[in-house]
Amino acid sequence: MEQLSEVFKNRISKNTDLEELKKELEIVERIFIEQKEHRSEMALKIVFIEDRIKKLEL
């Protein structure tokens, strides 16, 4: 099972710029679509980034 790196989690968790997070999400979604071998990792990243965006929008 894939796990997210602490570096990635810390970088996203500390980011408060919604536009930057949305750009990051677009990149990760594109990688998810284009690179089948990285889908499980990208799926985890997508959920993590979307969760962060939701928390900031509240």
N, C-alpha and C. Protein backbone atom coordinates (compact mmCIF):
# COMPACT_ATOMS: atom_id res chain seq x y z
N MET A 1 0.84 -1.19 0.00
CA MET A 1 0.00 0.00 0.00
C MET A 1 0.88 1.25 0.00
N GLU A 2 0.51 2.18 -0.83
CA GLU A 2 1.24 3.44 -0.92
C GLU A 2 1.04 4.29 0.34
N GLN A 3 2.06 5.04 0.68
CA GLN A 3 1.97 5.99 1.77
C GLN A 3 2.54 7.32 1.30
N LEU A 4 2.00 8.39 1.83
CA LEU A 4 2.50 9.71 1.49
C LEU A 4 3.73 10.02 2.33
N SER A 5 4.68 10.69 1.71
CA SER A 5 5.89 11.05 2.45
C SER A 5 5.56 12.16 3.45
N GLU A 6 6.32 12.19 4.50
CA GLU A 6 6.14 13.23 5.51
C GLU A 6 6.44 14.60 4.92
N VAL A 7 7.39 14.67 4.01
CA VAL A 7 7.73 15.94 3.36
C VAL A 7 6.51 16.48 2.60
N PHE A 8 5.86 15.61 1.83
CA PHE A 8 4.67 16.02 1.08
C PHE A 8 3.57 16.46 2.04
N LYS A 9 3.29 15.66 3.05
CA LYS A 9 2.22 15.97 3.99
C LYS A 9 2.49 17.29 4.71
N ASN A 10 3.73 17.51 5.13
CA ASN A 10 4.07 18.75 5.81
C ASN A 10 3.93 19.96 4.89
N ARG A 11 4.39 19.80 3.65
CA ARG A 11 4.32 20.90 2.69
C ARG A 11 2.87 21.30 2.42
N ILE A 12 2.01 20.33 2.22
CA ILE A 12 0.60 20.62 1.94
C ILE A 12 -0.10 21.13 3.21
N SER A 13 0.17 20.53 4.34
CA SER A 13 -0.48 20.92 5.60
C SER A 13 -0.14 22.34 6.01
N LYS A 14 1.06 22.79 5.69
CA LYS A 14 1.48 24.14 6.10
C LYS A 14 1.10 25.20 5.08
N ASN A 15 0.66 24.79 3.91
CA ASN A 15 0.31 25.74 2.86
C ASN A 15 -1.07 26.31 3.11
N THR A 16 -1.19 27.64 3.09
CA THR A 16 -2.48 28.29 3.29
C THR A 16 -2.95 29.02 2.04
N ASP A 17 -2.23 28.91 0.95
CA ASP A 17 -2.57 29.58 -0.31
C ASP A 17 -3.47 28.67 -1.14
N LEU A 18 -4.76 29.00 -1.19
CA LEU A 18 -5.72 28.16 -1.90
C LEU A 18 -5.39 28.01 -3.38
N GLU A 19 -4.95 29.08 -4.01
CA GLU A 19 -4.63 29.01 -5.44
C GLU A 19 -3.45 28.08 -5.69
N GLU A 20 -2.46 28.14 -4.84
CA GLU A 20 -1.30 27.26 -4.98
C GLU A 20 -1.71 25.80 -4.78
N LEU A 21 -2.57 25.56 -3.81
CA LEU A 21 -3.04 24.19 -3.57
C LEU A 21 -3.87 23.68 -4.74
N LYS A 22 -4.68 24.53 -5.32
CA LYS A 22 -5.48 24.13 -6.47
C LYS A 22 -4.60 23.81 -7.69
N LYS A 23 -3.52 24.58 -7.86
CA LYS A 23 -2.56 24.29 -8.94
C LYS A 23 -1.88 22.95 -8.71
N GLU A 24 -1.49 22.70 -7.46
CA GLU A 24 -0.87 21.42 -7.10
C GLU A 24 -1.84 20.27 -7.39
N LEU A 25 -3.11 20.48 -7.06
CA LEU A 25 -4.12 19.46 -7.31
C LEU A 25 -4.26 19.18 -8.81
N GLU A 26 -4.25 20.21 -9.63
CA GLU A 26 -4.32 20.03 -11.08
C GLU A 26 -3.15 19.19 -11.59
N ILE A 27 -1.97 19.47 -11.09
CA ILE A 27 -0.77 18.73 -11.51
C ILE A 27 -0.89 17.26 -11.12
N VAL A 28 -1.28 17.01 -9.89
CA VAL A 28 -1.40 15.64 -9.40
C VAL A 28 -2.49 14.89 -10.17
N GLU A 29 -3.59 15.57 -10.47
CA GLU A 29 -4.66 14.93 -11.26
C GLU A 29 -4.18 14.58 -12.66
N ARG A 30 -3.38 15.45 -13.26
CA ARG A 30 -2.83 15.18 -14.59
C ARG A 30 -1.90 13.97 -14.56
N ILE A 31 -1.05 13.89 -13.54
CA ILE A 31 -0.16 12.73 -13.39
C ILE A 31 -0.98 11.46 -13.20
N PHE A 32 -2.05 11.55 -12.41
CA PHE A 32 -2.94 10.41 -12.19
C PHE A 32 -3.47 9.87 -13.52
N ILE A 33 -3.88 10.77 -14.39
CA ILE A 33 -4.45 10.38 -15.68
C ILE A 33 -3.38 9.84 -16.63
N GLU A 34 -2.23 10.49 -16.67
CA GLU A 34 -1.22 10.18 -17.67
C GLU A 34 -0.30 9.02 -17.31
N GLN A 35 -0.08 8.77 -16.04
CA GLN A 35 0.92 7.78 -15.64
C GLN A 35 0.28 6.70 -14.77
N LYS A 36 -0.10 5.63 -15.41
CA LYS A 36 -0.82 4.55 -14.72
C LYS A 36 -0.02 3.96 -13.56
N GLU A 37 1.29 3.92 -13.69
CA GLU A 37 2.11 3.30 -12.64
C GLU A 37 2.13 4.11 -11.34
N HIS A 38 1.65 5.36 -11.39
CA HIS A 38 1.66 6.20 -10.18
C HIS A 38 0.25 6.49 -9.66
N ARG A 39 -0.73 5.77 -10.17
CA ARG A 39 -2.13 6.09 -9.82
C ARG A 39 -2.44 5.97 -8.34
N SER A 40 -1.97 4.93 -7.68
CA SER A 40 -2.33 4.77 -6.27
C SER A 40 -1.74 5.90 -5.42
N GLU A 41 -0.50 6.28 -5.70
CA GLU A 41 0.13 7.38 -4.96
C GLU A 41 -0.59 8.70 -5.26
N MET A 42 -0.91 8.94 -6.53
CA MET A 42 -1.57 10.19 -6.90
C MET A 42 -2.99 10.25 -6.32
N ALA A 43 -3.66 9.13 -6.24
CA ALA A 43 -5.00 9.10 -5.63
C ALA A 43 -4.93 9.54 -4.17
N LEU A 44 -3.94 9.06 -3.46
CA LEU A 44 -3.75 9.47 -2.06
C LEU A 44 -3.46 10.97 -1.96
N LYS A 45 -2.62 11.46 -2.86
CA LYS A 45 -2.28 12.88 -2.86
C LYS A 45 -3.50 13.74 -3.18
N ILE A 46 -4.31 13.29 -4.13
CA ILE A 46 -5.52 14.03 -4.48
C ILE A 46 -6.44 14.16 -3.27
N VAL A 47 -6.67 13.08 -2.57
CA VAL A 47 -7.54 13.11 -1.38
C VAL A 47 -6.94 14.04 -0.31
N PHE A 48 -5.64 13.96 -0.11
CA PHE A 48 -4.98 14.77 0.90
C PHE A 48 -5.09 16.26 0.56
N ILE A 49 -4.83 16.62 -0.70
CA ILE A 49 -4.90 18.02 -1.11
C ILE A 49 -6.34 18.53 -1.05
N GLU A 50 -7.29 17.73 -1.52
CA GLU A 50 -8.69 18.14 -1.47
C GLU A 50 -9.15 18.37 -0.04
N ASP A 51 -8.70 17.53 0.87
CA ASP A 51 -9.04 17.69 2.29
C ASP A 51 -8.48 19.00 2.83
N ARG A 52 -7.26 19.33 2.46
CA ARG A 52 -6.63 20.57 2.91
C ARG A 52 -7.39 21.78 2.36
N ILE A 53 -7.76 21.73 1.10
CA ILE A 53 -8.52 22.82 0.49
C ILE A 53 -9.85 23.01 1.20
N LYS A 54 -10.55 21.93 1.50
CA LYS A 54 -11.83 22.02 2.20
C LYS A 54 -11.66 22.66 3.57
N LYS A 55 -10.61 22.30 4.29
CA LYS A 55 -10.37 22.86 5.62
C LYS A 55 -10.13 24.37 5.53
N LEU A 56 -9.42 24.80 4.50
CA LEU A 56 -9.11 26.23 4.36
C LEU A 56 -10.33 27.02 3.90
N GLU A 57 -11.22 26.41 3.17
CA GLU A 57 -12.41 27.10 2.68
C GLU A 57 -13.48 27.28 3.75
N LEU A 58 -13.36 26.58 4.85
CA LEU A 58 -14.37 26.71 5.92
C LEU A 58 -14.31 28.02 6.64
